Amino acid sequence: MKKLLTFCILILLVPGFFGFTAYAYDYEPVKYEIEVEVTLGGTVKIIPNVNCPIPQKTELTLKDGETGRFEIDLVEPGVFDYTVQTVPDDRNIVFDDTVYSIKIYVTECVNTLEANMIATKSEEKYSGSKLIFVNSEESSDESTSNPQDSPTESSNNDRNPKTSDDTRMEMYFLFAMIASVGLLTLSIVYLIDTHKMIKKKNKEKN
């Protein structure tokens, strides 16, 4: 009889115990938001770690200057890990390759849940409230592809004219011509003087 009574009491207590346990961990879901922004617009994705709550949307396509939000429903205490990064598309721009590492700490606070986020960027703590990606326009290489059109180079050429071998040869030729004319003039003068001396001697003999 005593064993039967003890068994009945246990039967009555066990559902109450489990009911109390279930109630203790039955929290109202907390919606946590992670804000992102992309310069020049683009797509951003969030990747949850294993056993982490999956956001309602794992990819957001945003316009330039638009703020998007990844929404995550948290239903129990714990530490949940995510990574956030851009998804390049077919535009001719330079996409920001930054990868943010996210840890969301969810704690119990008077039978409710409280969530806080710690983000790291390039292994350094990120203090901003919004994850920002900065895409940029591609730089143009046209100025370096056509060196003959470069005003700097042409102006340098004008300021520093080249002296070629042909120019030096012309100068040598000019000097040679002047020297030849001088020698020819001296030869003519010498011949004239010689001719006069010969005529003078002939006259003296006669």
Protein backbone atom coordinates (compact mmCIF):
# COMPACT_ATOMS: atom_id res chain seq x y z
CA MET A 1 0.00 0.00 0.00
CA LYS A 2 2.83 2.44 0.88
CA LYS A 3 4.64 1.63 -2.38
CA LEU A 4 1.49 2.33 -4.35
CA LEU A 5 1.03 5.67 -2.58
CA THR A 6 4.67 6.66 -3.21
CA PHE A 7 4.34 5.75 -6.90
CA CYS A 8 1.21 7.88 -7.24
CA ILE A 9 2.93 10.88 -5.62
CA LEU A 10 5.87 10.54 -8.06
CA ILE A 11 3.46 10.36 -10.97
CA LEU A 12 1.90 13.62 -9.84
CA LEU A 13 5.23 15.38 -9.19
CA VAL A 14 7.04 14.45 -12.42
CA PRO A 15 4.74 16.38 -14.83
CA GLY A 16 4.91 19.38 -12.52
CA PHE A 17 8.69 19.27 -12.44
CA PHE A 18 9.01 19.06 -16.23
CA GLY A 19 6.37 21.69 -16.64
CA PHE A 20 8.36 24.05 -14.41
CA THR A 21 11.55 23.29 -16.39
CA ALA A 22 9.86 23.96 -19.72
CA TYR A 23 8.43 27.19 -18.39
CA ALA A 24 11.84 28.30 -17.16
CA TYR A 25 13.32 28.11 -20.71
CA ASP A 26 10.26 29.17 -22.64
CA TYR A 27 11.29 32.72 -23.63
CA GLU A 28 9.59 35.18 -25.89
CA PRO A 29 11.66 35.43 -29.11
CA VAL A 30 13.92 38.46 -29.33
CA LYS A 31 14.34 39.99 -32.81
CA TYR A 32 17.92 41.22 -33.22
CA GLU A 33 18.91 43.44 -36.16
CA ILE A 34 22.32 43.85 -37.81
CA GLU A 35 22.48 47.03 -39.90
CA VAL A 36 24.59 47.22 -43.10
CA GLU A 37 25.35 49.86 -45.73
CA VAL A 38 27.16 49.61 -49.08
CA THR A 39 28.78 52.51 -50.94
CA LEU A 40 27.75 52.41 -54.65
CA GLY A 41 25.18 49.78 -53.68
CA GLY A 42 25.41 46.01 -54.00
CA THR A 43 24.58 42.71 -52.35
CA VAL A 44 25.62 41.74 -48.82
CA LYS A 45 25.27 38.24 -47.36
CA ILE A 46 25.34 36.88 -43.82
CA ILE A 47 26.65 33.37 -43.10
CA PRO A 48 25.57 31.75 -39.81
CA ASN A 49 27.85 29.33 -38.01
CA VAL A 50 26.68 25.79 -37.22
CA ASN A 51 23.69 25.61 -34.82
CA CYS A 52 23.12 29.37 -34.98
CA PRO A 53 19.68 30.84 -35.71
CA ILE A 54 19.26 31.57 -39.41
CA PRO A 55 18.25 35.16 -40.28
CA GLN A 56 14.97 35.77 -42.04
CA LYS A 57 17.01 36.91 -45.09
CA THR A 58 20.59 35.83 -45.70
CA GLU A 59 21.19 38.31 -48.55
CA LEU A 60 20.30 41.99 -48.95
CA THR A 61 20.57 43.99 -52.18
CA LEU A 62 20.94 47.67 -51.35
CA LYS A 63 21.17 50.95 -53.25
CA ASP A 64 23.93 53.48 -52.70
CA GLY A 65 23.44 55.03 -49.25
CA GLU A 66 20.58 52.69 -48.31
CA THR A 67 20.61 50.94 -44.93
CA GLY A 68 19.59 47.28 -44.75
CA ARG A 69 18.96 45.00 -41.77
CA PHE A 70 19.51 41.32 -41.16
CA GLU A 71 16.82 40.20 -38.69
CA ILE A 72 17.51 37.22 -36.42
CA ASP A 73 14.97 35.62 -34.06
CA LEU A 74 16.73 34.57 -30.84
CA VAL A 75 14.86 32.11 -28.60
CA GLU A 76 17.47 30.94 -26.08
CA PRO A 77 20.64 32.09 -24.32
CA GLY A 78 23.98 31.43 -26.00
CA VAL A 79 26.75 32.82 -28.19
CA PHE A 80 26.01 32.84 -31.92
CA ASP A 81 28.61 33.46 -34.64
CA TYR A 82 28.11 34.99 -38.09
CA THR A 83 30.20 36.47 -40.92
CA VAL A 84 29.03 39.31 -43.18
CA GLN A 85 30.55 40.21 -46.54
CA THR A 86 29.74 41.61 -50.00
CA VAL A 87 28.80 39.56 -53.06
CA PRO A 88 30.51 40.92 -56.23
CA ASP A 89 28.35 41.35 -59.34
CA ASP A 90 29.12 42.08 -63.01
CA ARG A 91 29.70 45.83 -62.61
CA ASN A 92 33.14 47.30 -63.40
CA ILE A 93 33.85 48.52 -59.88
CA VAL A 94 36.18 47.50 -57.08
CA PHE A 95 34.21 45.58 -54.46
CA ASP A 96 35.06 45.88 -50.78
CA ASP A 97 36.47 42.50 -49.67
CA THR A 98 36.09 43.22 -45.95
CA VAL A 99 34.74 40.33 -43.87
CA TYR A 100 33.06 41.18 -40.57
CA SER A 101 33.05 38.52 -37.84
CA ILE A 102 30.00 38.81 -35.60
CA LYS A 103 29.35 37.36 -32.14
CA ILE A 104 25.89 37.83 -30.62
CA TYR A 105 25.78 37.20 -26.88
CA VAL A 106 22.29 36.29 -25.68
CA THR A 107 21.72 36.27 -21.92
CA GLU A 108 18.74 35.75 -19.61
CA CYS A 109 17.50 38.84 -17.83
CA VAL A 110 14.46 38.42 -15.51
CA ASN A 111 12.86 35.67 -17.61
CA THR A 112 13.54 37.61 -20.82
CA LEU A 113 16.44 37.58 -23.28
CA GLU A 114 18.96 40.34 -23.85
CA ALA A 115 21.29 40.38 -26.86
CA ASN A 116 24.53 42.25 -27.49
CA MET A 117 26.82 42.15 -30.52
CA ILE A 118 30.61 42.32 -30.79
CA ALA A 119 32.02 42.74 -34.32
CA THR A 120 35.59 42.45 -35.57
CA LYS A 121 36.98 43.80 -38.84
CA SER A 122 40.34 42.52 -40.08
CA GLU A 123 40.87 40.92 -36.66
CA GLU A 124 40.36 44.27 -34.90
CA LYS A 125 37.36 45.23 -32.80
CA TYR A 126 34.81 47.25 -34.75
CA SER A 127 32.99 49.87 -32.71
CA GLY A 128 30.48 51.10 -35.28
CA SER A 129 26.78 50.39 -34.89
CA LYS A 130 26.46 49.72 -38.63
CA LEU A 131 28.56 47.43 -40.85
CA ILE A 132 29.82 49.60 -43.72
CA PHE A 133 31.24 48.33 -47.02
CA VAL A 134 32.96 50.81 -49.37
CA ASN A 135 32.94 49.85 -53.04
CA SER A 136 34.83 52.20 -55.39
CA GLU A 137 35.05 53.11 -59.05
CA GLU A 138 37.85 51.54 -61.09
CA SER A 139 40.70 53.94 -61.93
CA SER A 140 41.28 54.72 -65.62
CA ASP A 141 44.67 53.85 -67.20
CA GLU A 142 44.11 55.83 -70.40
CA SER A 143 46.64 58.50 -69.41
CA THR A 144 49.41 55.90 -69.23
CA SER A 145 48.34 53.84 -72.27
CA ASN A 146 49.16 56.62 -74.79
CA PRO A 147 52.54 58.09 -73.83
CA GLN A 148 52.72 60.15 -77.06
CA ASP A 149 49.72 62.16 -75.84
CA SER A 150 51.29 62.99 -72.52
CA PRO A 151 51.69 66.78 -72.21
CA THR A 152 54.40 66.35 -69.60
CA GLU A 153 56.57 64.22 -71.82
CA SER A 154 56.12 66.47 -74.88
CA SER A 155 56.94 69.57 -72.86
CA ASN A 156 60.07 67.86 -71.51
CA ASN A 157 61.09 67.03 -75.05
CA ASP A 158 60.64 70.67 -76.06
CA ARG A 159 62.73 71.88 -73.15
CA ASN A 160 65.46 69.28 -73.76
CA PRO A 161 66.08 69.01 -77.55
CA LYS A 162 68.28 66.13 -78.56
CA THR A 163 71.66 66.75 -80.34
CA SER A 164 72.01 63.97 -82.89
CA ASP A 165 75.09 62.65 -84.65
CA ASP A 166 73.86 64.25 -87.90
CA THR A 167 74.03 67.70 -86.29
CA ARG A 168 77.62 67.11 -85.17
CA MET A 169 78.57 65.88 -88.64
CA GLU A 170 77.14 69.07 -90.18
CA MET A 171 79.23 71.17 -87.81
CA TYR A 172 82.40 69.21 -88.71
CA PHE A 173 81.63 69.60 -92.40
CA LEU A 174 81.16 73.37 -91.98
CA PHE A 175 84.52 73.69 -90.19
CA ALA A 176 86.18 71.63 -92.93
CA MET A 177 84.69 73.87 -95.62
CA ILE A 178 85.95 77.02 -93.86
CA ALA A 179 89.41 75.50 -93.49
CA SER A 180 89.46 74.44 -97.14
CA VAL A 181 88.46 77.94 -98.33
CA GLY A 182 91.20 79.43 -96.14
CA LEU A 183 93.84 77.07 -97.56
CA LEU A 184 92.67 77.74 -101.10
CA THR A 185 92.91 81.50 -100.54
CA LEU A 186 96.44 81.19 -99.13
CA SER A 187 97.46 79.01 -102.09
CA ILE A 188 96.16 81.58 -104.59
CA VAL A 189 97.94 84.42 -102.82
CA TYR A 190 101.17 82.38 -102.74
CA LEU A 191 100.93 81.58 -106.45
CA ILE A 192 100.33 85.24 -107.33
CA ASP A 193 103.30 86.36 -105.25
CA THR A 194 105.49 83.67 -106.77
CA HIS A 195 104.45 84.65 -110.28
CA LYS A 196 105.29 88.34 -109.58
CA MET A 197 108.71 87.41 -108.22
CA ILE A 198 109.49 85.33 -111.33
CA LYS A 199 108.51 88.19 -113.66
CA LYS A 200 110.60 90.64 -111.67
CA LYS A 201 113.73 88.43 -111.89
CA ASN A 202 113.24 88.01 -115.63
CA LYS A 203 113.14 91.76 -116.09
CA GLU A 204 116.31 92.23 -114.08
CA LYS A 205 118.16 89.74 -116.29
CA ASN A 206 117.13 91.54 -119.44
